[in-house]
């Protein structure tokens, strides 16, 4: 996990994920970190959404 305001929400070994119980009427920012035998990537470009 990178330093800063990021937190782990869910882990997936599939190319997509469904997140439930997200806070409403609040802007959330999502990013992705890839992991493999070589280690972890940097956080991807993030996307901000309001649910």
C-alpha atoms as a PDB file:
ATOM      1  CA  UNK A   1       0.000   0.000   0.000  1.00  0.00           C
ATOM      2  CA  UNK A   2       1.303   3.474  -0.823  1.00  0.00           C
ATOM      3  CA  UNK A   3       1.702   6.182   1.784  1.00  0.00           C
ATOM      4  CA  UNK A   4      -1.065   8.735   2.036  1.00  0.00           C
ATOM      5  CA  UNK A   5      -4.850   8.700   2.161  1.00  0.00           C
ATOM      6  CA  UNK A   6      -5.272   5.384   0.310  1.00  0.00           C
ATOM      7  CA  UNK A   7      -6.850   2.354   1.967  1.00  0.00           C
ATOM      8  CA  UNK A   8      -7.391  -1.211   0.807  1.00  0.00           C
ATOM      9  CA  UNK A   9     -11.030  -1.686  -0.152  1.00  0.00           C
ATOM     10  CA  UNK A  10     -10.983  -5.073  -1.830  1.00  0.00           C
ATOM     11  CA  UNK A  11      -8.625  -7.578  -3.465  1.00  0.00           C
ATOM     12  CA  UNK A  12      -9.422  -9.380  -6.717  1.00  0.00           C
ATOM     13  CA  UNK A  13      -7.715 -11.891  -8.962  1.00  0.00           C
ATOM     14  CA  UNK A  14     -10.235 -11.145 -11.728  1.00  0.00           C
ATOM     15  CA  UNK A  15     -10.203  -8.245 -14.242  1.00  0.00           C
ATOM     16  CA  UNK A  16     -13.215  -6.606 -12.556  1.00  0.00           C
ATOM     17  CA  UNK A  17     -14.602  -6.076  -9.070  1.00  0.00           C
ATOM     18  CA  UNK A  18     -17.929  -5.136  -7.485  1.00  0.00           C
ATOM     19  CA  UNK A  19     -17.767  -2.849  -4.462  1.00  0.00           C
ATOM     20  CA  UNK A  20     -20.779  -2.651  -2.143  1.00  0.00           C
ATOM     21  CA  UNK A  21     -21.765  -0.494   0.820  1.00  0.00           C
ATOM     22  CA  UNK A  22     -19.896   2.586  -0.399  1.00  0.00           C
ATOM     23  CA  UNK A  23     -20.753   5.921   1.287  1.00  0.00           C
ATOM     24  CA  UNK A  24     -23.369   8.014  -0.535  1.00  0.00           C
ATOM     25  CA  UNK A  25     -23.215  11.685  -1.558  1.00  0.00           C
ATOM     26  CA  UNK A  26     -19.460  11.786  -1.089  1.00  0.00           C
ATOM     27  CA  UNK A  27     -16.692  11.979  -3.672  1.00  0.00           C
ATOM     28  CA  UNK A  28     -14.527   8.850  -3.597  1.00  0.00           C
ATOM     29  CA  UNK A  29     -11.254   8.340  -5.442  1.00  0.00           C
ATOM     30  CA  UNK A  30     -10.247   4.882  -6.651  1.00  0.00           C
ATOM     31  CA  UNK A  31      -6.859   3.634  -7.848  1.00  0.00           C
ATOM     32  CA  UNK A  32      -5.396   0.214  -8.645  1.00  0.00           C
ATOM     33  CA  UNK A  33      -2.157  -1.469  -7.577  1.00  0.00           C
ATOM     34  CA  UNK A  34      -1.013  -4.527  -9.521  1.00  0.00           C
ATOM     35  CA  UNK A  35       0.908  -7.264  -7.698  1.00  0.00           C
ATOM     36  CA  UNK A  36       2.915 -10.251  -8.892  1.00  0.00           C
ATOM     37  CA  UNK A  37       6.103 -12.183  -8.012  1.00  0.00           C
ATOM     38  CA  UNK A  38       8.209  -9.130  -8.891  1.00  0.00           C
ATOM     39  CA  UNK A  39       6.387  -6.937  -6.370  1.00  0.00           C
ATOM     40  CA  UNK A  40       3.784  -4.163  -6.429  1.00  0.00           C
ATOM     41  CA  UNK A  41       3.207  -1.417  -8.986  1.00  0.00           C
ATOM     42  CA  UNK A  42       2.676   2.238  -8.202  1.00  0.00           C
ATOM     43  CA  UNK A  43      -0.943   3.385  -7.871  1.00  0.00           C
ATOM     44  CA  UNK A  44      -2.640   3.742 -11.260  1.00  0.00           C
ATOM     45  CA  UNK A  45      -4.178   6.988 -12.404  1.00  0.00           C
ATOM     46  CA  UNK A  46      -7.131   7.480 -10.090  1.00  0.00           C
ATOM     47  CA  UNK A  47     -10.747   8.146 -10.909  1.00  0.00           C
ATOM     48  CA  UNK A  48     -13.066  10.259  -8.729  1.00  0.00           C
ATOM     49  CA  UNK A  49     -16.740   9.277  -8.480  1.00  0.00           C
ATOM     50  CA  UNK A  50     -19.751  10.483  -6.527  1.00  0.00           C
ATOM     51  CA  UNK A  51     -22.297   7.792  -5.685  1.00  0.00           C
END
